[in-house]
Amino acid sequence: MGAYDNDADDAAAAGKAAADTESDPPGPDGVPERTTAAAPAPPKPPEPPVFPPPAPAPASAPEQAAPAGRRGPGIAGLSTRYQVVAAVALAVVGVFGCVHLAMVFLHVAPSNTLTKQHGTAVDDWIYPELEQNWKLFAPNPLQQNIAVEARAQIRGADGTRRTTGWIGLTAQDTERIRGNIVPSHTEQNELRRAWEFFLNFHTEDQLPNGLRGELSEGYLRRIVISRLDERELGGTVQKIQVRSVTRAVPAPAWSTEKIDTRPVYRTYRWWSITDADRPAFAAEAGAEAGAGTGTSTARTETAAR
């Protein structure tokens, strides 16, 4: 037993020496060098606690398809029947707009073949609500002053008749407008527009041209008689007569142009005046019509009760 133990110790020592020889590299003289053990690494700082990663968001469900009955915005959102109605309405508005633009163009355009052939249709479309007046602009601005005057045949209380002198209706409006900061629309435009309406629908022979000619004549006649009734003429107006006084606008002082500024008169025929032409009669007729309407309404209500 002792010999066996000695042999085991020798073998262990030899194995240890061989292991040391293999672990230590030989030096320059062939003698293995003893390497020093590496210094222990410094302790690592404690790692922060690791929280569990957030749970992944559940996969979003696919977007729900739009319900079958839901439609897009605008006309596309309407049903087929209403889409057809909307399309027809748009077509009608578009056609009306094109026709209106064409009529306005023919109205303001210079005289041409179309206006000569279809002038009546154009005038019926434009007048009186859609009239276009471009006379303030080039190439043909107004270069004349036109005044309207009137006179009347008066029957006195004793039955005698006399004729007044010419009364300047335009001069009255001018006097009311001059110095007035806010003149009324009536003072500025009533007589002027009535005279233009009258001229546009009367022939060179002073005859009314169609229904609008008769309307323009009646309208001007009522304006004139209302102006004359404001004056103390000493009797009842039986007839009236109007005329225009046209004067060319004089050239400026620095111009060498020679312009004839003498007045040019154009006198129209006498018009007989009836009670229907007088404002008082029209007011009474309107009041009677209103009273008649009220009476008939009261009777209707009584009958209903």
C-alpha atoms as a PDB file:
ATOM      1  CA  MET A   1       0.000   0.000   0.000  1.00  0.00           C
ATOM      2  CA  GLY A   2       2.739   2.506   0.818  1.00  0.00           C
ATOM      3  CA  ALA A   3       4.594   1.908  -2.452  1.00  0.00           C
ATOM      4  CA  TYR A   4       1.357   2.352  -4.360  1.00  0.00           C
ATOM      5  CA  ASP A   5       0.684   5.673  -2.648  1.00  0.00           C
ATOM      6  CA  ASN A   6       4.167   6.982  -3.417  1.00  0.00           C
ATOM      7  CA  ASP A   7       3.833   6.151  -7.077  1.00  0.00           C
ATOM      8  CA  ALA A   8       0.492   8.015  -7.234  1.00  0.00           C
ATOM      9  CA  ASP A   9       1.997  11.089  -5.591  1.00  0.00           C
ATOM     10  CA  ASP A  10       4.911  11.096  -8.053  1.00  0.00           C
ATOM     11  CA  ALA A  11       2.544  10.798 -11.014  1.00  0.00           C
ATOM     12  CA  ALA A  12       0.434  13.686  -9.734  1.00  0.00           C
ATOM     13  CA  ALA A  13       3.547  15.864  -9.275  1.00  0.00           C
ATOM     14  CA  ALA A  14       4.777  15.059 -12.750  1.00  0.00           C
ATOM     15  CA  GLY A  15       1.394  15.856 -14.251  1.00  0.00           C
ATOM     16  CA  LYS A  16       1.293  19.190 -12.433  1.00  0.00           C
ATOM     17  CA  ALA A  17       4.775  20.098 -13.681  1.00  0.00           C
ATOM     18  CA  ALA A  18       3.796  19.242 -17.238  1.00  0.00           C
ATOM     19  CA  ALA A  19       0.680  21.339 -16.962  1.00  0.00           C
ATOM     20  CA  ASP A  20       2.735  24.266 -15.654  1.00  0.00           C
ATOM     21  CA  THR A  21       5.171  23.845 -18.537  1.00  0.00           C
ATOM     22  CA  GLU A  22       2.365  23.854 -21.090  1.00  0.00           C
ATOM     23  CA  SER A  23       0.653  26.861 -19.549  1.00  0.00           C
ATOM     24  CA  ASP A  24       3.814  28.985 -19.270  1.00  0.00           C
ATOM     25  CA  PRO A  25       5.371  29.950 -22.629  1.00  0.00           C
ATOM     26  CA  PRO A  26       9.165  29.347 -22.948  1.00  0.00           C
ATOM     27  CA  GLY A  27      11.420  32.328 -22.446  1.00  0.00           C
ATOM     28  CA  PRO A  28      14.331  33.344 -24.688  1.00  0.00           C
ATOM     29  CA  ASP A  29      16.635  30.897 -22.979  1.00  0.00           C
ATOM     30  CA  GLY A  30      14.163  28.071 -23.221  1.00  0.00           C
ATOM     31  CA  VAL A  31      13.112  28.332 -19.616  1.00  0.00           C
ATOM     32  CA  PRO A  32       9.387  28.743 -19.209  1.00  0.00           C
ATOM     33  CA  GLU A  33       8.374  32.084 -17.831  1.00  0.00           C
ATOM     34  CA  ARG A  34       5.915  32.348 -15.044  1.00  0.00           C
ATOM     35  CA  THR A  35       3.055  34.585 -15.998  1.00  0.00           C
ATOM     36  CA  THR A  36       1.380  36.623 -13.340  1.00  0.00           C
ATOM     37  CA  ALA A  37      -2.283  36.130 -12.790  1.00  0.00           C
ATOM     38  CA  ALA A  38      -4.591  38.848 -14.280  1.00  0.00           C
ATOM     39  CA  ALA A  39      -6.051  41.390 -11.862  1.00  0.00           C
ATOM     40  CA  PRO A  40      -9.612  40.716 -11.024  1.00  0.00           C
ATOM     41  CA  ALA A  41     -12.125  42.835 -13.013  1.00  0.00           C
ATOM     42  CA  PRO A  42     -13.969  45.548 -11.085  1.00  0.00           C
ATOM     43  CA  PRO A  43     -17.444  44.648 -10.119  1.00  0.00           C
ATOM     44  CA  LYS A  44     -20.068  45.600 -12.649  1.00  0.00           C
ATOM     45  CA  PRO A  45     -22.726  48.079 -11.592  1.00  0.00           C
ATOM     46  CA  PRO A  46     -26.038  46.530 -10.952  1.00  0.00           C
ATOM     47  CA  GLU A  47     -28.137  46.375 -14.051  1.00  0.00           C
ATOM     48  CA  PRO A  48     -31.383  48.296 -13.944  1.00  0.00           C
ATOM     49  CA  PRO A  49     -34.423  46.202 -13.540  1.00  0.00           C
ATOM     50  CA  VAL A  50     -35.846  45.078 -16.809  1.00  0.00           C
ATOM     51  CA  PHE A  51     -39.561  45.620 -17.036  1.00  0.00           C
ATOM     52  CA  PRO A  52     -41.521  43.312 -19.192  1.00  0.00           C
ATOM     53  CA  PRO A  53     -42.027  44.778 -22.700  1.00  0.00           C
ATOM     54  CA  PRO A  54     -45.436  46.235 -23.352  1.00  0.00           C
ATOM     55  CA  ALA A  55     -47.849  43.851 -24.783  1.00  0.00           C
ATOM     56  CA  PRO A  56     -48.209  44.326 -28.538  1.00  0.00           C
ATOM     57  CA  ALA A  57     -51.339  46.147 -29.591  1.00  0.00           C
ATOM     58  CA  PRO A  58     -53.927  43.834 -30.899  1.00  0.00           C
ATOM     59  CA  ALA A  59     -54.089  43.794 -34.627  1.00  0.00           C
ATOM     60  CA  SER A  60     -56.666  46.347 -35.746  1.00  0.00           C
ATOM     61  CA  ALA A  61     -59.634  44.859 -37.344  1.00  0.00           C
ATOM     62  CA  PRO A  62     -60.024  45.684 -41.009  1.00  0.00           C
ATOM     63  CA  GLU A  63     -62.113  48.797 -41.643  1.00  0.00           C
ATOM     64  CA  GLN A  64     -65.689  48.012 -41.898  1.00  0.00           C
ATOM     65  CA  ALA A  65     -67.042  48.381 -45.379  1.00  0.00           C
ATOM     66  CA  ALA A  66     -69.469  51.247 -45.901  1.00  0.00           C
ATOM     67  CA  PRO A  67     -73.037  50.134 -45.723  1.00  0.00           C
ATOM     68  CA  ALA A  68     -74.572  49.376 -49.033  1.00  0.00           C
ATOM     69  CA  GLY A  69     -77.156  52.198 -48.768  1.00  0.00           C
ATOM     70  CA  ARG A  70     -74.653  54.989 -47.984  1.00  0.00           C
ATOM     71  CA  ARG A  71     -73.615  57.292 -50.862  1.00  0.00           C
ATOM     72  CA  GLY A  72     -70.977  59.924 -51.439  1.00  0.00           C
ATOM     73  CA  PRO A  73     -71.458  63.693 -51.012  1.00  0.00           C
ATOM     74  CA  GLY A  74     -73.087  66.030 -53.515  1.00  0.00           C
ATOM     75  CA  ILE A  75     -75.276  64.916 -56.368  1.00  0.00           C
ATOM     76  CA  ALA A  76     -73.636  61.501 -56.210  1.00  0.00           C
ATOM     77  CA  GLY A  77     -75.295  61.016 -52.832  1.00  0.00           C
ATOM     78  CA  LEU A  78     -78.768  61.321 -54.319  1.00  0.00           C
ATOM     79  CA  SER A  79     -80.824  58.513 -55.594  1.00  0.00           C
ATOM     80  CA  THR A  80     -80.976  57.915 -59.321  1.00  0.00           C
ATOM     81  CA  ARG A  81     -84.332  59.653 -59.653  1.00  0.00           C
ATOM     82  CA  TYR A  82     -83.146  62.814 -57.905  1.00  0.00           C
ATOM     83  CA  GLN A  83     -79.898  62.756 -59.856  1.00  0.00           C
ATOM     84  CA  VAL A  84     -81.928  62.922 -63.054  1.00  0.00           C
ATOM     85  CA  VAL A  85     -84.006  65.809 -61.665  1.00  0.00           C
ATOM     86  CA  ALA A  86     -80.860  67.705 -60.612  1.00  0.00           C
ATOM     87  CA  ALA A  87     -79.240  67.158 -64.004  1.00  0.00           C
ATOM     88  CA  VAL A  88     -82.343  68.451 -65.810  1.00  0.00           C
ATOM     89  CA  ALA A  89     -82.509  71.507 -63.511  1.00  0.00           C
ATOM     90  CA  LEU A  90     -78.849  72.324 -64.127  1.00  0.00           C
ATOM     91  CA  ALA A  91     -79.359  71.951 -67.857  1.00  0.00           C
ATOM     92  CA  VAL A  92     -82.340  74.321 -67.785  1.00  0.00           C
ATOM     93  CA  VAL A  93     -80.392  76.915 -65.769  1.00  0.00           C
ATOM     94  CA  GLY A  94     -77.449  76.625 -68.143  1.00  0.00           C
ATOM     95  CA  VAL A  95     -79.645  77.089 -71.225  1.00  0.00           C
ATOM     96  CA  PHE A  96     -81.401  80.062 -69.612  1.00  0.00           C
ATOM     97  CA  GLY A  97     -78.059  81.654 -68.751  1.00  0.00           C
ATOM     98  CA  CYS A  98     -76.775  81.226 -72.303  1.00  0.00           C
ATOM     99  CA  VAL A  99     -79.960  82.691 -73.799  1.00  0.00           C
ATOM    100  CA  HIS A 100     -79.842  85.652 -71.394  1.00  0.00           C
ATOM    101  CA  LEU A 101     -76.223  86.419 -72.186  1.00  0.00           C
ATOM    102  CA  ALA A 102     -76.979  86.228 -75.897  1.00  0.00           C
ATOM    103  CA  MET A 103     -79.942  88.610 -75.544  1.00  0.00           C
ATOM    104  CA  VAL A 104     -77.940  91.125 -73.487  1.00  0.00           C
ATOM    105  CA  PHE A 105     -75.102  90.964 -76.012  1.00  0.00           C
ATOM    106  CA  LEU A 106     -77.463  91.631 -78.918  1.00  0.00           C
ATOM    107  CA  HIS A 107     -79.070  94.466 -76.955  1.00  0.00           C
ATOM    108  CA  VAL A 108     -75.831  96.338 -76.282  1.00  0.00           C
ATOM    109  CA  ALA A 109     -74.102  95.418 -79.549  1.00  0.00           C
ATOM    110  CA  PRO A 110     -74.142  97.797 -82.522  1.00  0.00           C
ATOM    111  CA  SER A 111     -76.851  97.332 -85.107  1.00  0.00           C
ATOM    112  CA  ASN A 112     -76.312  94.158 -87.107  1.00  0.00           C
ATOM    113  CA  THR A 113     -78.201  91.557 -89.096  1.00  0.00           C
ATOM    114  CA  LEU A 114     -79.416  89.644 -86.048  1.00  0.00           C
ATOM    115  CA  THR A 115     -80.683  92.723 -84.239  1.00  0.00           C
ATOM    116  CA  LYS A 116     -82.508  93.859 -87.359  1.00  0.00           C
ATOM    117  CA  GLN A 117     -84.215  90.491 -87.792  1.00  0.00           C
ATOM    118  CA  HIS A 118     -84.885  89.727 -84.115  1.00  0.00           C
ATOM    119  CA  GLY A 119     -84.912  93.198 -82.558  1.00  0.00           C
ATOM    120  CA  THR A 120     -88.484  92.811 -81.288  1.00  0.00           C
ATOM    121  CA  ALA A 121     -87.693  89.536 -79.508  1.00  0.00           C
ATOM    122  CA  VAL A 122     -84.587  91.068 -77.934  1.00  0.00           C
ATOM    123  CA  ASP A 123     -86.525  94.113 -76.712  1.00  0.00           C
ATOM    124  CA  ASP A 124     -89.281  91.930 -75.270  1.00  0.00           C
ATOM    125  CA  TRP A 125     -86.652  89.984 -73.333  1.00  0.00           C
ATOM    126  CA  ILE A 126     -84.724  93.017 -72.038  1.00  0.00           C
ATOM    127  CA  TYR A 127     -87.366  95.660 -71.302  1.00  0.00           C
ATOM    128  CA  PRO A 128     -88.223  96.885 -68.806  1.00  0.00           C
ATOM    129  CA  GLU A 129     -86.517  94.947 -65.989  1.00  0.00           C
ATOM    130  CA  LEU A 130     -83.196  94.082 -67.660  1.00  0.00           C
ATOM    131  CA  GLU A 131     -82.423  97.254 -69.562  1.00  0.00           C
ATOM    132  CA  GLN A 132     -78.741  97.964 -70.163  1.00  0.00           C
ATOM    133  CA  ASN A 133     -77.674 101.580 -70.636  1.00  0.00           C
ATOM    134  CA  TRP A 134     -74.109 102.005 -71.900  1.00  0.00           C
ATOM    135  CA  LYS A 135     -74.396 105.569 -73.149  1.00  0.00           C
ATOM    136  CA  LEU A 136     -72.018 106.895 -70.498  1.00  0.00           C
ATOM    137  CA  PHE A 137     -69.126 104.954 -72.020  1.00  0.00           C
ATOM    138  CA  ALA A 138     -67.123 105.171 -75.215  1.00  0.00           C
ATOM    139  CA  PRO A 139     -67.375 105.172 -78.141  1.00  0.00           C
ATOM    140  CA  ASN A 140     -70.649 107.154 -78.030  1.00  0.00           C
ATOM    141  CA  PRO A 141     -70.967 109.074 -74.757  1.00  0.00           C
ATOM    142  CA  LEU A 142     -73.811 111.513 -74.329  1.00  0.00           C
ATOM    143  CA  GLN A 143     -72.966 114.859 -75.893  1.00  0.00           C
ATOM    144  CA  GLN A 144     -76.352 116.537 -75.607  1.00  0.00           C
ATOM    145  CA  ASN A 145     -78.551 117.954 -72.897  1.00  0.00           C
ATOM    146  CA  ILE A 146     -82.182 116.992 -73.410  1.00  0.00           C
ATOM    147  CA  ALA A 147     -84.911 118.776 -71.458  1.00  0.00           C
ATOM    148  CA  VAL A 148     -88.615 117.964 -71.355  1.00  0.00           C
ATOM    149  CA  GLU A 149     -91.187 120.743 -71.329  1.00  0.00           C
ATOM    150  CA  ALA A 150     -94.972 120.661 -71.232  1.00  0.00           C
ATOM    151  CA  ARG A 151     -97.912 122.980 -71.599  1.00  0.00           C
ATOM    152  CA  ALA A 152    -101.618 122.532 -70.980  1.00  0.00           C
ATOM    153  CA  GLN A 153    -105.050 123.653 -72.137  1.00  0.00           C
ATOM    154  CA  ILE A 154    -106.980 124.888 -69.105  1.00  0.00           C
ATOM    155  CA  ARG A 155    -110.719 125.229 -68.684  1.00  0.00           C
ATOM    156  CA  GLY A 156    -111.575 127.932 -66.207  1.00  0.00           C
ATOM    157  CA  ALA A 157    -114.472 128.066 -63.793  1.00  0.00           C
ATOM    158  CA  ASP A 158    -116.393 130.238 -66.255  1.00  0.00           C
ATOM    159  CA  GLY A 159    -115.900 127.701 -69.054  1.00  0.00           C
ATOM    160  CA  THR A 160    -113.257 129.631 -70.955  1.00  0.00           C
ATOM    161  CA  ARG A 161    -110.227 127.845 -72.310  1.00  0.00           C
ATOM    162  CA  ARG A 162    -106.674 129.038 -72.431  1.00  0.00           C
ATOM    163  CA  THR A 163    -103.239 127.560 -73.109  1.00  0.00           C
ATOM    164  CA  THR A 164    -100.375 127.927 -70.666  1.00  0.00           C
ATOM    165  CA  GLY A 165     -96.806 128.637 -71.603  1.00  0.00           C
ATOM    166  CA  TRP A 166     -94.148 125.954 -71.743  1.00  0.00           C
ATOM    167  CA  ILE A 167     -93.205 124.653 -68.301  1.00  0.00           C
ATOM    168  CA  GLY A 168     -89.753 123.127 -67.862  1.00  0.00           C
ATOM    169  CA  LEU A 169     -90.233 119.767 -66.120  1.00  0.00           C
ATOM    170  CA  THR A 170     -86.565 118.849 -66.355  1.00  0.00           C
ATOM    171  CA  ALA A 171     -85.658 122.266 -64.970  1.00  0.00           C
ATOM    172  CA  GLN A 172     -87.825 121.527 -61.911  1.00  0.00           C
ATOM    173  CA  ASP A 173     -85.949 118.284 -61.242  1.00  0.00           C
ATOM    174  CA  THR A 174     -82.615 120.009 -61.753  1.00  0.00           C
ATOM    175  CA  GLU A 175     -83.562 122.730 -59.283  1.00  0.00           C
ATOM    176  CA  ARG A 176     -84.555 120.145 -56.675  1.00  0.00           C
ATOM    177  CA  ILE A 177     -81.366 118.135 -57.155  1.00  0.00           C
ATOM    178  CA  ARG A 178     -78.939 121.074 -57.135  1.00  0.00           C
ATOM    179  CA  GLY A 179     -77.596 121.567 -53.624  1.00  0.00           C
ATOM    180  CA  ASN A 180     -79.330 118.430 -52.308  1.00  0.00           C
ATOM    181  CA  ILE A 181     -76.839 115.974 -50.797  1.00  0.00           C
ATOM    182  CA  VAL A 182     -79.184 112.999 -51.061  1.00  0.00           C
ATOM    183  CA  PRO A 183     -81.655 113.650 -53.907  1.00  0.00           C
ATOM    184  CA  SER A 184     -84.426 111.139 -54.312  1.00  0.00           C
ATOM    185  CA  HIS A 185     -84.489 108.499 -57.017  1.00  0.00           C
ATOM    186  CA  THR A 186     -87.699 110.031 -58.351  1.00  0.00           C
ATOM    187  CA  GLU A 187     -86.148 113.449 -58.821  1.00  0.00           C
ATOM    188  CA  GLN A 188     -83.139 112.000 -60.601  1.00  0.00           C
ATOM    189  CA  ASN A 189     -84.605 109.319 -62.820  1.00  0.00           C
ATOM    190  CA  GLU A 190     -88.406 109.279 -63.039  1.00  0.00           C
ATOM    191  CA  LEU A 191     -88.870 111.822 -65.823  1.00  0.00           C
ATOM    192  CA  ARG A 192     -85.651 110.925 -67.636  1.00  0.00           C
ATOM    193  CA  ARG A 193     -86.409 107.210 -67.772  1.00  0.00           C
ATOM    194  CA  ALA A 194     -90.021 107.849 -68.762  1.00  0.00           C
ATOM    195  CA  TRP A 195     -88.863 110.029 -71.656  1.00  0.00           C
ATOM    196  CA  GLU A 196     -86.359 107.427 -72.840  1.00  0.00           C
ATOM    197  CA  PHE A 197     -89.055 104.754 -72.614  1.00  0.00           C
ATOM    198  CA  PHE A 198     -91.367 106.966 -74.650  1.00  0.00           C
ATOM    199  CA  LEU A 199     -88.813 107.654 -77.390  1.00  0.00           C
ATOM    200  CA  ASN A 200     -87.717 104.035 -77.733  1.00  0.00           C
ATOM    201  CA  PHE A 201     -91.242 102.849 -78.517  1.00  0.00           C
ATOM    202  CA  HIS A 202     -92.511 105.575 -80.802  1.00  0.00           C
ATOM    203  CA  THR A 203     -91.978 105.934 -84.523  1.00  0.00           C
ATOM    204  CA  GLU A 204     -90.685 108.984 -86.337  1.00  0.00           C
ATOM    205  CA  ASP A 205     -94.329 109.871 -87.000  1.00  0.00           C
ATOM    206  CA  GLN A 206     -94.904 110.050 -83.220  1.00  0.00           C
ATOM    207  CA  LEU A 207     -97.070 106.945 -83.211  1.00  0.00           C
ATOM    208  CA  PRO A 208     -96.824 104.274 -80.501  1.00  0.00           C
ATOM    209  CA  ASN A 209     -94.967 101.152 -81.572  1.00  0.00           C
ATOM    210  CA  GLY A 210     -96.987  98.260 -80.199  1.00  0.00           C
ATOM    211  CA  LEU A 211     -98.205  97.728 -76.651  1.00  0.00           C
ATOM    212  CA  ARG A 212     -95.076  99.141 -75.059  1.00  0.00           C
ATOM    213  CA  GLY A 213     -95.559 102.345 -77.021  1.00  0.00           C
ATOM    214  CA  GLU A 214     -99.045 102.762 -75.548  1.00  0.00           C
ATOM    215  CA  LEU A 215     -97.764 101.962 -72.061  1.00  0.00           C
ATOM    216  CA  SER A 216     -94.921 104.465 -72.358  1.00  0.00           C
ATOM    217  CA  GLU A 217     -97.306 107.162 -73.548  1.00  0.00           C
ATOM    218  CA  GLY A 218     -99.699 106.584 -70.664  1.00  0.00           C
ATOM    219  CA  TYR A 219     -96.841 106.534 -68.168  1.00  0.00           C
ATOM    220  CA  LEU A 220     -95.412 109.841 -69.413  1.00  0.00           C
ATOM    221  CA  ARG A 221     -98.864 111.418 -69.533  1.00  0.00           C
ATOM    222  CA  ARG A 222     -99.503 110.574 -65.863  1.00  0.00           C
ATOM    223  CA  ILE A 223     -96.140 112.011 -64.804  1.00  0.00           C
ATOM    224  CA  VAL A 224     -96.806 115.265 -66.659  1.00  0.00           C
ATOM    225  CA  ILE A 225    -100.322 115.722 -65.270  1.00  0.00           C
ATOM    226  CA  SER A 226     -99.077 115.035 -61.729  1.00  0.00           C
ATOM    227  CA  ARG A 227     -96.444 117.758 -62.140  1.00  0.00           C
ATOM    228  CA  LEU A 228     -98.966 120.235 -63.553  1.00  0.00           C
ATOM    229  CA  ASP A 229    -101.496 119.560 -60.798  1.00  0.00           C
ATOM    230  CA  GLU A 230     -98.889 120.755 -58.298  1.00  0.00           C
ATOM    231  CA  ARG A 231     -99.171 124.234 -59.812  1.00  0.00           C
ATOM    232  CA  GLU A 232    -101.962 126.734 -59.515  1.00  0.00           C
ATOM    233  CA  LEU A 233    -102.983 126.969 -63.152  1.00  0.00           C
ATOM    234  CA  GLY A 234    -106.379 128.544 -62.501  1.00  0.00           C
ATOM    235  CA  GLY A 235    -108.541 125.789 -63.882  1.00  0.00           C
ATOM    236  CA  THR A 236    -108.819 122.144 -64.876  1.00  0.00           C
ATOM    237  CA  VAL A 237    -106.295 120.634 -67.256  1.00  0.00           C
ATOM    238  CA  GLN A 238    -108.080 119.295 -70.342  1.00  0.00           C
ATOM    239  CA  LYS A 239    -105.167 118.550 -72.653  1.00  0.00           C
ATOM    240  CA  ILE A 240    -101.386 118.475 -72.436  1.00  0.00           C
ATOM    241  CA  GLN A 241     -98.582 118.675 -74.950  1.00  0.00           C
ATOM    242  CA  VAL A 242     -94.899 117.844 -74.499  1.00  0.00           C
ATOM    243  CA  ARG A 243     -91.772 118.755 -76.363  1.00  0.00           C
ATOM    244  CA  SER A 244     -88.051 118.077 -76.095  1.00  0.00           C
ATOM    245  CA  VAL A 245     -85.375 120.742 -76.115  1.00  0.00           C
ATOM    246  CA  THR A 246     -82.000 119.423 -77.235  1.00  0.00           C
ATOM    247  CA  ARG A 247     -78.818 121.434 -76.795  1.00  0.00           C
ATOM    248  CA  ALA A 248     -75.336 120.221 -77.678  1.00  0.00           C
ATOM    249  CA  VAL A 249     -72.782 120.260 -74.883  1.00  0.00           C
ATOM    250  CA  PRO A 250     -70.432 123.180 -75.577  1.00  0.00           C
ATOM    251  CA  ALA A 251     -66.759 122.504 -76.197  1.00  0.00           C
ATOM    252  CA  PRO A 252     -64.324 123.270 -73.367  1.00  0.00           C
ATOM    253  CA  ALA A 253     -62.577 126.628 -73.316  1.00  0.00           C
ATOM    254  CA  TRP A 254     -59.241 125.169 -74.400  1.00  0.00           C
ATOM    255  CA  SER A 255     -60.745 123.420 -77.442  1.00  0.00           C
ATOM    256  CA  THR A 256     -60.866 124.928 -80.905  1.00  0.00           C
ATOM    257  CA  GLU A 257     -63.857 122.803 -81.899  1.00  0.00           C
ATOM    258  CA  LYS A 258     -66.891 124.744 -83.085  1.00  0.00           C
ATOM    259  CA  ILE A 259     -70.182 123.335 -81.807  1.00  0.00           C
ATOM    260  CA  ASP A 260     -73.652 124.691 -82.516  1.00  0.00           C
ATOM    261  CA  THR A 261     -75.350 125.015 -79.121  1.00  0.00           C
ATOM    262  CA  ARG A 262     -78.638 126.454 -80.359  1.00  0.00           C
ATOM    263  CA  PRO A 263     -81.642 124.500 -79.019  1.00  0.00           C
ATOM    264  CA  VAL A 264     -83.504 122.071 -81.231  1.00  0.00           C
ATOM    265  CA  TYR A 265     -87.203 121.618 -80.438  1.00  0.00           C
ATOM    266  CA  ARG A 266     -89.367 118.622 -81.170  1.00  0.00           C
ATOM    267  CA  THR A 267     -93.037 119.040 -80.325  1.00  0.00           C
ATOM    268  CA  TYR A 268     -95.482 116.151 -79.968  1.00  0.00           C
ATOM    269  CA  ARG A 269     -99.236 116.038 -80.461  1.00  0.00           C
ATOM    270  CA  TRP A 270    -101.824 117.036 -77.889  1.00  0.00           C
ATOM    271  CA  TRP A 271    -103.057 114.374 -75.461  1.00  0.00           C
ATOM    272  CA  SER A 272    -106.530 114.491 -73.944  1.00  0.00           C
ATOM    273  CA  ILE A 273    -106.622 113.984 -70.187  1.00  0.00           C
ATOM    274  CA  THR A 274    -109.163 111.691 -68.540  1.00  0.00           C
ATOM    275  CA  ASP A 275    -109.871 111.065 -64.876  1.00  0.00           C
ATOM    276  CA  ALA A 276    -107.852 107.838 -65.082  1.00  0.00           C
ATOM    277  CA  ASP A 277    -104.721 109.925 -65.757  1.00  0.00           C
ATOM    278  CA  ARG A 278    -105.042 111.906 -62.540  1.00  0.00           C
ATOM    279  CA  PRO A 279    -103.257 110.689 -59.366  1.00  0.00           C
ATOM    280  CA  ALA A 280    -106.247 111.547 -57.167  1.00  0.00           C
ATOM    281  CA  PHE A 281    -108.547 109.367 -59.267  1.00  0.00           C
ATOM    282  CA  ALA A 282    -106.031 106.490 -59.181  1.00  0.00           C
ATOM    283  CA  ALA A 283    -105.781 106.774 -55.380  1.00  0.00           C
ATOM    284  CA  GLU A 284    -109.575 106.775 -55.010  1.00  0.00           C
ATOM    285  CA  ALA A 285    -109.881 103.793 -57.335  1.00  0.00           C
ATOM    286  CA  GLY A 286    -107.273 101.917 -55.315  1.00  0.00           C
ATOM    287  CA  ALA A 287    -109.061 102.731 -52.061  1.00  0.00           C
ATOM    288  CA  GLU A 288    -112.398 101.601 -53.490  1.00  0.00           C
ATOM    289  CA  ALA A 289    -110.814  98.406 -54.765  1.00  0.00           C
ATOM    290  CA  GLY A 290    -109.353  97.776 -51.324  1.00  0.00           C
ATOM    291  CA  ALA A 291    -112.680  98.476 -49.655  1.00  0.00           C
ATOM    292  CA  GLY A 292    -114.429  96.158 -52.095  1.00  0.00           C
ATOM    293  CA  THR A 293    -111.914  93.438 -51.360  1.00  0.00           C
ATOM    294  CA  GLY A 294    -112.433  93.905 -47.620  1.00  0.00           C
ATOM    295  CA  THR A 295    -116.218  93.783 -47.994  1.00  0.00           C
ATOM    296  CA  SER A 296    -116.090  90.649 -50.110  1.00  0.00           C
ATOM    297  CA  THR A 297    -113.715  89.063 -47.594  1.00  0.00           C
ATOM    298  CA  ALA A 298    -116.069  89.922 -44.709  1.00  0.00           C
ATOM    299  CA  ARG A 299    -118.976  88.442 -46.640  1.00  0.00           C
ATOM    300  CA  THR A 300    -116.992  85.301 -47.320  1.00  0.00           C
ATOM    301  CA  GLU A 301    -116.108  84.962 -43.637  1.00  0.00           C
ATOM    302  CA  THR A 302    -119.759  85.506 -42.639  1.00  0.00           C
ATOM    303  CA  ALA A 303    -120.901  82.880 -45.104  1.00  0.00           C
ATOM    304  CA  ALA A 304    -118.302  80.476 -43.802  1.00  0.00           C
ATOM    305  CA  ARG A 305    -119.540  80.967 -40.265  1.00  0.00           C
END
